[in-house]
């Protein structure tokens, strides 16, 4: 259900964006720098590959938390609504080793887990107090998440416990909902600075048949952003 909702909302927001110029009172570009925190183990989907990896490998889910950057084109729709179309970038490499196995020479059997997510988002913001000097807002939308996940390094073949080197890679483009809230404070007539928190929910398929330990990957998480807005 969340993904059907996300696709429908994304289509509606794109249509809104096409017709927005006739209604717009204000255009702006918002640049952002933030921190993306993946969902914790207790909140992730049942067949998530990272949760399954925790049973075998030595790493922490919080190791996937990392900085992200992005930008957004904002279009004012009257005094209380605003449409946004954004692009972001997140990437993280997490080193890992087997919990219960080492090589014959006593060294660790090491591998890297790599996750990259490029979200393309369409959102609608509601400004409850209108366009004043301080502008709190809440919003919702949908994202198209282009992602790549890989596991690269040494692995154990549990049929004969030999060690081999390999690379497993999965990619996808998946849709999910976005919920956000924030506040902006003007600096002069053209600029604003602020903070925003947004939560995303999405999931992709990595595939047991592709060599991974489980079928899917949870792409959900919470992003905390510092924003810098330029009006024109």
C-alpha atoms as a PDB file:
ATOM      1  CA  UNK A   1       0.000   0.000   0.000  1.00  0.00           C
ATOM      2  CA  UNK A   2       2.701   2.653   0.840  1.00  0.00           C
ATOM      3  CA  UNK A   3       4.313   2.160  -2.571  1.00  0.00           C
ATOM      4  CA  UNK A   4       1.033   2.462  -4.513  1.00  0.00           C
ATOM      5  CA  UNK A   5       0.355   5.640  -2.538  1.00  0.00           C
ATOM      6  CA  UNK A   6       3.862   6.888  -3.289  1.00  0.00           C
ATOM      7  CA  UNK A   7       3.536   6.361  -7.042  1.00  0.00           C
ATOM      8  CA  UNK A   8       0.144   8.082  -7.160  1.00  0.00           C
ATOM      9  CA  UNK A   9       1.357  11.012  -5.094  1.00  0.00           C
ATOM     10  CA  UNK A  10       4.496  11.395  -7.178  1.00  0.00           C
ATOM     11  CA  UNK A  11       2.422  11.563 -10.360  1.00  0.00           C
ATOM     12  CA  UNK A  12       0.084  14.137  -8.818  1.00  0.00           C
ATOM     13  CA  UNK A  13       2.977  16.327  -7.701  1.00  0.00           C
ATOM     14  CA  UNK A  14       4.593  16.220 -11.122  1.00  0.00           C
ATOM     15  CA  UNK A  15       1.305  17.367 -12.671  1.00  0.00           C
ATOM     16  CA  UNK A  16       1.156  20.142 -10.078  1.00  0.00           C
ATOM     17  CA  UNK A  17       4.674  21.172 -11.006  1.00  0.00           C
ATOM     18  CA  UNK A  18       3.755  21.470 -14.667  1.00  0.00           C
ATOM     19  CA  UNK A  19       0.872  23.835 -13.905  1.00  0.00           C
ATOM     20  CA  UNK A  20       2.656  25.690 -11.088  1.00  0.00           C
ATOM     21  CA  UNK A  21       4.096  28.662 -13.035  1.00  0.00           C
ATOM     22  CA  UNK A  22       0.621  30.146 -13.535  1.00  0.00           C
ATOM     23  CA  UNK A  23      -0.046  30.036  -9.776  1.00  0.00           C
ATOM     24  CA  UNK A  24       3.388  30.698  -8.398  1.00  0.00           C
ATOM     25  CA  UNK A  25       4.099  33.755  -6.321  1.00  0.00           C
ATOM     26  CA  UNK A  26       7.691  32.897  -5.620  1.00  0.00           C
ATOM     27  CA  UNK A  27      10.438  30.640  -6.938  1.00  0.00           C
ATOM     28  CA  UNK A  28      13.532  29.659  -4.991  1.00  0.00           C
ATOM     29  CA  UNK A  29      16.353  27.155  -4.840  1.00  0.00           C
ATOM     30  CA  UNK A  30      17.229  25.443  -1.572  1.00  0.00           C
ATOM     31  CA  UNK A  31      20.636  23.840  -1.038  1.00  0.00           C
ATOM     32  CA  UNK A  32      20.984  21.421   1.820  1.00  0.00           C
ATOM     33  CA  UNK A  33      23.614  19.555   3.790  1.00  0.00           C
ATOM     34  CA  UNK A  34      22.527  16.901   6.232  1.00  0.00           C
ATOM     35  CA  UNK A  35      22.884  13.562   7.942  1.00  0.00           C
ATOM     36  CA  UNK A  36      21.040  10.403   6.956  1.00  0.00           C
ATOM     37  CA  UNK A  37      20.383   7.783   9.664  1.00  0.00           C
ATOM     38  CA  UNK A  38      19.152   4.368   8.516  1.00  0.00           C
ATOM     39  CA  UNK A  39      16.281   2.692  10.323  1.00  0.00           C
ATOM     40  CA  UNK A  40      17.221   0.639  13.385  1.00  0.00           C
ATOM     41  CA  UNK A  41      17.139  -3.147  13.480  1.00  0.00           C
ATOM     42  CA  UNK A  42      13.775  -3.292  15.260  1.00  0.00           C
ATOM     43  CA  UNK A  43      12.098  -1.071  12.625  1.00  0.00           C
ATOM     44  CA  UNK A  44      13.436  -2.653   9.444  1.00  0.00           C
ATOM     45  CA  UNK A  45      11.534  -4.975   7.102  1.00  0.00           C
ATOM     46  CA  UNK A  46      11.527  -8.705   7.907  1.00  0.00           C
ATOM     47  CA  UNK A  47      13.662  -9.887   4.970  1.00  0.00           C
ATOM     48  CA  UNK A  48      16.234  -7.092   5.080  1.00  0.00           C
ATOM     49  CA  UNK A  49      19.705  -8.185   3.970  1.00  0.00           C
ATOM     50  CA  UNK A  50      21.496  -5.952   6.477  1.00  0.00           C
ATOM     51  CA  UNK A  51      19.613  -7.476   9.412  1.00  0.00           C
ATOM     52  CA  UNK A  52      20.432 -10.964   8.138  1.00  0.00           C
ATOM     53  CA  UNK A  53      24.086  -9.959   7.728  1.00  0.00           C
ATOM     54  CA  UNK A  54      24.215  -9.065  11.421  1.00  0.00           C
ATOM     55  CA  UNK A  55      23.881 -12.772  12.212  1.00  0.00           C
ATOM     56  CA  UNK A  56      27.120 -13.561  10.362  1.00  0.00           C
ATOM     57  CA  UNK A  57      29.270 -10.431  10.086  1.00  0.00           C
ATOM     58  CA  UNK A  58      30.733  -8.003  12.587  1.00  0.00           C
ATOM     59  CA  UNK A  59      29.396  -4.494  11.913  1.00  0.00           C
ATOM     60  CA  UNK A  60      26.790  -2.084  13.263  1.00  0.00           C
ATOM     61  CA  UNK A  61      23.786  -0.730  11.375  1.00  0.00           C
ATOM     62  CA  UNK A  62      24.669   2.730  12.643  1.00  0.00           C
ATOM     63  CA  UNK A  63      27.882   2.495  10.610  1.00  0.00           C
ATOM     64  CA  UNK A  64      25.681   3.192   7.563  1.00  0.00           C
ATOM     65  CA  UNK A  65      24.702   6.618   8.918  1.00  0.00           C
ATOM     66  CA  UNK A  66      26.448   9.327   6.940  1.00  0.00           C
ATOM     67  CA  UNK A  67      26.299  12.851   5.523  1.00  0.00           C
ATOM     68  CA  UNK A  68      24.244  13.645   2.440  1.00  0.00           C
ATOM     69  CA  UNK A  69      23.871  16.635   0.146  1.00  0.00           C
ATOM     70  CA  UNK A  70      21.107  17.863  -2.124  1.00  0.00           C
ATOM     71  CA  UNK A  71      19.156  20.666  -3.678  1.00  0.00           C
ATOM     72  CA  UNK A  72      15.521  21.520  -4.273  1.00  0.00           C
ATOM     73  CA  UNK A  73      13.547  23.807  -6.561  1.00  0.00           C
ATOM     74  CA  UNK A  74      10.652  25.369  -4.618  1.00  0.00           C
ATOM     75  CA  UNK A  75       7.569  26.942  -6.168  1.00  0.00           C
ATOM     76  CA  UNK A  76       5.118  29.008  -4.114  1.00  0.00           C
ATOM     77  CA  UNK A  77       1.446  28.119  -4.622  1.00  0.00           C
ATOM     78  CA  UNK A  78      -0.328  30.960  -2.870  1.00  0.00           C
ATOM     79  CA  UNK A  79       0.420  32.045   0.687  1.00  0.00           C
ATOM     80  CA  UNK A  80       0.225  28.660   2.414  1.00  0.00           C
ATOM     81  CA  UNK A  81       1.418  26.002  -0.043  1.00  0.00           C
ATOM     82  CA  UNK A  82       4.715  25.250  -1.723  1.00  0.00           C
ATOM     83  CA  UNK A  83       5.749  22.541  -4.190  1.00  0.00           C
ATOM     84  CA  UNK A  84       9.263  21.163  -4.138  1.00  0.00           C
ATOM     85  CA  UNK A  85      11.291  19.063  -6.591  1.00  0.00           C
ATOM     86  CA  UNK A  86      14.604  17.818  -5.230  1.00  0.00           C
ATOM     87  CA  UNK A  87      17.670  15.684  -5.822  1.00  0.00           C
ATOM     88  CA  UNK A  88      19.990  14.261  -3.177  1.00  0.00           C
ATOM     89  CA  UNK A  89      23.039  12.042  -2.796  1.00  0.00           C
ATOM     90  CA  UNK A  90      24.114   9.616  -0.055  1.00  0.00           C
ATOM     91  CA  UNK A  91      26.906   7.017  -0.069  1.00  0.00           C
ATOM     92  CA  UNK A  92      28.543   4.930   2.619  1.00  0.00           C
ATOM     93  CA  UNK A  93      31.090   2.078   2.764  1.00  0.00           C
ATOM     94  CA  UNK A  94      31.030  -0.075   5.912  1.00  0.00           C
ATOM     95  CA  UNK A  95      33.948  -2.449   6.614  1.00  0.00           C
ATOM     96  CA  UNK A  96      33.079  -5.834   8.096  1.00  0.00           C
ATOM     97  CA  UNK A  97      34.546  -9.195   9.107  1.00  0.00           C
ATOM     98  CA  UNK A  98      33.100 -12.610   9.917  1.00  0.00           C
ATOM     99  CA  UNK A  99      32.073 -12.949  13.562  1.00  0.00           C
ATOM    100  CA  UNK A 100      32.995 -16.615  14.031  1.00  0.00           C
ATOM    101  CA  UNK A 101      35.557 -17.381  11.338  1.00  0.00           C
ATOM    102  CA  UNK A 102      39.145 -16.368  10.609  1.00  0.00           C
ATOM    103  CA  UNK A 103      41.628 -17.328   7.906  1.00  0.00           C
ATOM    104  CA  UNK A 104      44.129 -20.173   8.420  1.00  0.00           C
ATOM    105  CA  UNK A 105      46.887 -17.630   9.057  1.00  0.00           C
ATOM    106  CA  UNK A 106      44.854 -16.026  11.847  1.00  0.00           C
ATOM    107  CA  UNK A 107      43.813 -12.927   9.917  1.00  0.00           C
ATOM    108  CA  UNK A 108      40.259 -11.652   9.664  1.00  0.00           C
ATOM    109  CA  UNK A 109      38.082 -12.502   6.656  1.00  0.00           C
ATOM    110  CA  UNK A 110      37.140  -8.981   5.592  1.00  0.00           C
ATOM    111  CA  UNK A 111      34.621  -7.450   3.211  1.00  0.00           C
ATOM    112  CA  UNK A 112      33.028  -4.055   2.512  1.00  0.00           C
ATOM    113  CA  UNK A 113      29.307  -3.339   2.388  1.00  0.00           C
ATOM    114  CA  UNK A 114      28.561  -0.351   0.167  1.00  0.00           C
ATOM    115  CA  UNK A 115      25.251   1.511  -0.115  1.00  0.00           C
ATOM    116  CA  UNK A 116      24.457   4.468  -2.392  1.00  0.00           C
ATOM    117  CA  UNK A 117      21.077   6.202  -2.624  1.00  0.00           C
ATOM    118  CA  UNK A 118      20.146   9.068  -4.977  1.00  0.00           C
ATOM    119  CA  UNK A 119      16.615  10.276  -4.131  1.00  0.00           C
ATOM    120  CA  UNK A 120      14.549  12.277  -6.623  1.00  0.00           C
ATOM    121  CA  UNK A 121      11.703  13.812  -4.621  1.00  0.00           C
ATOM    122  CA  UNK A 122       8.442  15.668  -5.216  1.00  0.00           C
ATOM    123  CA  UNK A 123       6.853  17.273  -2.153  1.00  0.00           C
ATOM    124  CA  UNK A 124       4.132  19.649  -1.012  1.00  0.00           C
ATOM    125  CA  UNK A 125       4.722  21.900   2.010  1.00  0.00           C
ATOM    126  CA  UNK A 126       2.056  23.582   4.126  1.00  0.00           C
ATOM    127  CA  UNK A 127       3.002  26.858   5.833  1.00  0.00           C
ATOM    128  CA  UNK A 128       0.419  27.214   8.655  1.00  0.00           C
ATOM    129  CA  UNK A 129       1.260  30.893   9.324  1.00  0.00           C
ATOM    130  CA  UNK A 130       1.743  31.883   5.713  1.00  0.00           C
ATOM    131  CA  UNK A 131       4.775  33.656   4.315  1.00  0.00           C
ATOM    132  CA  UNK A 132       6.092  35.608   7.274  1.00  0.00           C
ATOM    133  CA  UNK A 133       9.544  36.381   8.578  1.00  0.00           C
ATOM    134  CA  UNK A 134       9.779  33.017  10.319  1.00  0.00           C
ATOM    135  CA  UNK A 135       8.232  30.173   8.315  1.00  0.00           C
ATOM    136  CA  UNK A 136       7.592  26.811   9.996  1.00  0.00           C
ATOM    137  CA  UNK A 137       6.196  24.151   7.668  1.00  0.00           C
ATOM    138  CA  UNK A 138       5.160  20.520   7.368  1.00  0.00           C
ATOM    139  CA  UNK A 139       4.883  18.477   4.208  1.00  0.00           C
ATOM    140  CA  UNK A 140       4.616  15.164   2.468  1.00  0.00           C
ATOM    141  CA  UNK A 141       5.555  13.739  -0.879  1.00  0.00           C
ATOM    142  CA  UNK A 142       7.080  10.843  -2.721  1.00  0.00           C
ATOM    143  CA  UNK A 143      10.568   9.876  -3.753  1.00  0.00           C
ATOM    144  CA  UNK A 144      12.083   7.851  -6.556  1.00  0.00           C
ATOM    145  CA  UNK A 145      15.137   6.255  -4.936  1.00  0.00           C
ATOM    146  CA  UNK A 146      17.912   5.150  -7.287  1.00  0.00           C
ATOM    147  CA  UNK A 147      20.122   2.844  -5.216  1.00  0.00           C
ATOM    148  CA  UNK A 148      23.113   0.527  -5.461  1.00  0.00           C
ATOM    149  CA  UNK A 149      24.181  -2.002  -2.832  1.00  0.00           C
ATOM    150  CA  UNK A 150      27.259  -4.243  -2.988  1.00  0.00           C
ATOM    151  CA  UNK A 151      29.254  -6.671  -0.881  1.00  0.00           C
ATOM    152  CA  UNK A 152      32.909  -6.922  -1.929  1.00  0.00           C
ATOM    153  CA  UNK A 153      35.751  -8.903  -0.373  1.00  0.00           C
ATOM    154  CA  UNK A 154      36.425 -12.359   1.032  1.00  0.00           C
ATOM    155  CA  UNK A 155      33.690 -14.875   1.843  1.00  0.00           C
ATOM    156  CA  UNK A 156      33.388 -18.369   3.313  1.00  0.00           C
ATOM    157  CA  UNK A 157      31.944 -21.245   1.297  1.00  0.00           C
ATOM    158  CA  UNK A 158      30.053 -23.157   3.993  1.00  0.00           C
ATOM    159  CA  UNK A 159      30.007 -26.377   1.954  1.00  0.00           C
ATOM    160  CA  UNK A 160      33.761 -26.910   2.446  1.00  0.00           C
ATOM    161  CA  UNK A 161      34.713 -23.799   4.498  1.00  0.00           C
ATOM    162  CA  UNK A 162      37.087 -22.558   1.822  1.00  0.00           C
ATOM    163  CA  UNK A 163      37.663 -18.819   1.469  1.00  0.00           C
ATOM    164  CA  UNK A 164      37.117 -17.070  -1.830  1.00  0.00           C
ATOM    165  CA  UNK A 165      37.033 -13.513  -3.108  1.00  0.00           C
ATOM    166  CA  UNK A 166      33.944 -12.178  -4.897  1.00  0.00           C
ATOM    167  CA  UNK A 167      31.647  -9.221  -5.519  1.00  0.00           C
ATOM    168  CA  UNK A 168      27.848  -9.134  -5.224  1.00  0.00           C
ATOM    169  CA  UNK A 169      26.000  -6.119  -6.635  1.00  0.00           C
ATOM    170  CA  UNK A 170      22.328  -5.111  -6.766  1.00  0.00           C
ATOM    171  CA  UNK A 171      20.733  -1.924  -8.129  1.00  0.00           C
ATOM    172  CA  UNK A 172      17.201  -0.597  -8.400  1.00  0.00           C
ATOM    173  CA  UNK A 173      14.816   2.345  -8.661  1.00  0.00           C
ATOM    174  CA  UNK A 174      12.041   2.216  -6.084  1.00  0.00           C
ATOM    175  CA  UNK A 175       9.296   4.602  -4.988  1.00  0.00           C
ATOM    176  CA  UNK A 176       8.260   5.456  -1.442  1.00  0.00           C
ATOM    177  CA  UNK A 177       6.592   8.162   0.670  1.00  0.00           C
ATOM    178  CA  UNK A 178       8.325  11.114   2.342  1.00  0.00           C
ATOM    179  CA  UNK A 179       7.157  13.087   5.406  1.00  0.00           C
ATOM    180  CA  UNK A 180       8.942  16.274   6.442  1.00  0.00           C
ATOM    181  CA  UNK A 181       8.891  19.296   8.705  1.00  0.00           C
ATOM    182  CA  UNK A 182      11.102  22.315   9.221  1.00  0.00           C
ATOM    183  CA  UNK A 183      11.534  26.018   9.752  1.00  0.00           C
ATOM    184  CA  UNK A 184      13.122  28.875   7.762  1.00  0.00           C
ATOM    185  CA  UNK A 185      14.420  32.246   8.936  1.00  0.00           C
ATOM    186  CA  UNK A 186      15.121  35.067   6.438  1.00  0.00           C
ATOM    187  CA  UNK A 187      18.549  36.639   6.097  1.00  0.00           C
ATOM    188  CA  UNK A 188      17.983  39.791   4.107  1.00  0.00           C
ATOM    189  CA  UNK A 189      15.392  39.965   1.335  1.00  0.00           C
ATOM    190  CA  UNK A 190      16.568  37.076  -0.863  1.00  0.00           C
ATOM    191  CA  UNK A 191      18.079  34.489   1.465  1.00  0.00           C
ATOM    192  CA  UNK A 192      16.857  32.180   4.205  1.00  0.00           C
ATOM    193  CA  UNK A 193      18.493  29.603   6.435  1.00  0.00           C
ATOM    194  CA  UNK A 194      16.767  26.834   8.293  1.00  0.00           C
ATOM    195  CA  UNK A 195      16.545  23.267   9.437  1.00  0.00           C
ATOM    196  CA  UNK A 196      14.478  20.346   8.228  1.00  0.00           C
ATOM    197  CA  UNK A 197      13.787  16.767   9.231  1.00  0.00           C
ATOM    198  CA  UNK A 198      12.452  14.283   6.694  1.00  0.00           C
ATOM    199  CA  UNK A 199      11.562  10.618   6.941  1.00  0.00           C
ATOM    200  CA  UNK A 200      11.605   8.312   3.927  1.00  0.00           C
ATOM    201  CA  UNK A 201      10.248   4.801   3.478  1.00  0.00           C
ATOM    202  CA  UNK A 202      11.367   2.614   0.586  1.00  0.00           C
ATOM    203  CA  UNK A 203      12.650  -0.875  -0.085  1.00  0.00           C
ATOM    204  CA  UNK A 204      14.527  -2.590  -2.887  1.00  0.00           C
ATOM    205  CA  UNK A 205      15.190  -6.167  -3.988  1.00  0.00           C
ATOM    206  CA  UNK A 206      18.741  -7.520  -3.831  1.00  0.00           C
ATOM    207  CA  UNK A 207      17.907 -11.217  -4.286  1.00  0.00           C
ATOM    208  CA  UNK A 208      19.074 -14.403  -2.603  1.00  0.00           C
ATOM    209  CA  UNK A 209      19.683 -15.778  -6.095  1.00  0.00           C
ATOM    210  CA  UNK A 210      22.269 -13.026  -6.604  1.00  0.00           C
ATOM    211  CA  UNK A 211      24.353 -14.296  -3.689  1.00  0.00           C
ATOM    212  CA  UNK A 212      22.952 -12.148  -0.860  1.00  0.00           C
ATOM    213  CA  UNK A 213      21.780 -13.630   2.432  1.00  0.00           C
ATOM    214  CA  UNK A 214      18.249 -12.244   2.132  1.00  0.00           C
ATOM    215  CA  UNK A 215      15.846 -10.948  -0.490  1.00  0.00           C
ATOM    216  CA  UNK A 216      15.426  -7.196   0.066  1.00  0.00           C
ATOM    217  CA  UNK A 217      17.057  -4.070   1.483  1.00  0.00           C
ATOM    218  CA  UNK A 218      15.343  -1.436   3.612  1.00  0.00           C
ATOM    219  CA  UNK A 219      16.124   2.071   2.295  1.00  0.00           C
ATOM    220  CA  UNK A 220      14.118   3.911   4.940  1.00  0.00           C
ATOM    221  CA  UNK A 221      15.547   6.369   7.409  1.00  0.00           C
ATOM    222  CA  UNK A 222      15.600   9.860   8.907  1.00  0.00           C
ATOM    223  CA  UNK A 223      17.467  12.798   7.387  1.00  0.00           C
ATOM    224  CA  UNK A 224      18.319  15.954   9.350  1.00  0.00           C
ATOM    225  CA  UNK A 225      19.159  18.910   7.105  1.00  0.00           C
ATOM    226  CA  UNK A 226      20.599  22.400   7.246  1.00  0.00           C
ATOM    227  CA  UNK A 227      19.040  24.433   4.429  1.00  0.00           C
ATOM    228  CA  UNK A 228      20.114  27.571   2.587  1.00  0.00           C
ATOM    229  CA  UNK A 229      17.457  29.122   0.352  1.00  0.00           C
ATOM    230  CA  UNK A 230      17.902  31.660  -2.438  1.00  0.00           C
ATOM    231  CA  UNK A 231      14.801  33.423  -3.765  1.00  0.00           C
ATOM    232  CA  UNK A 232      14.471  34.794  -7.274  1.00  0.00           C
END
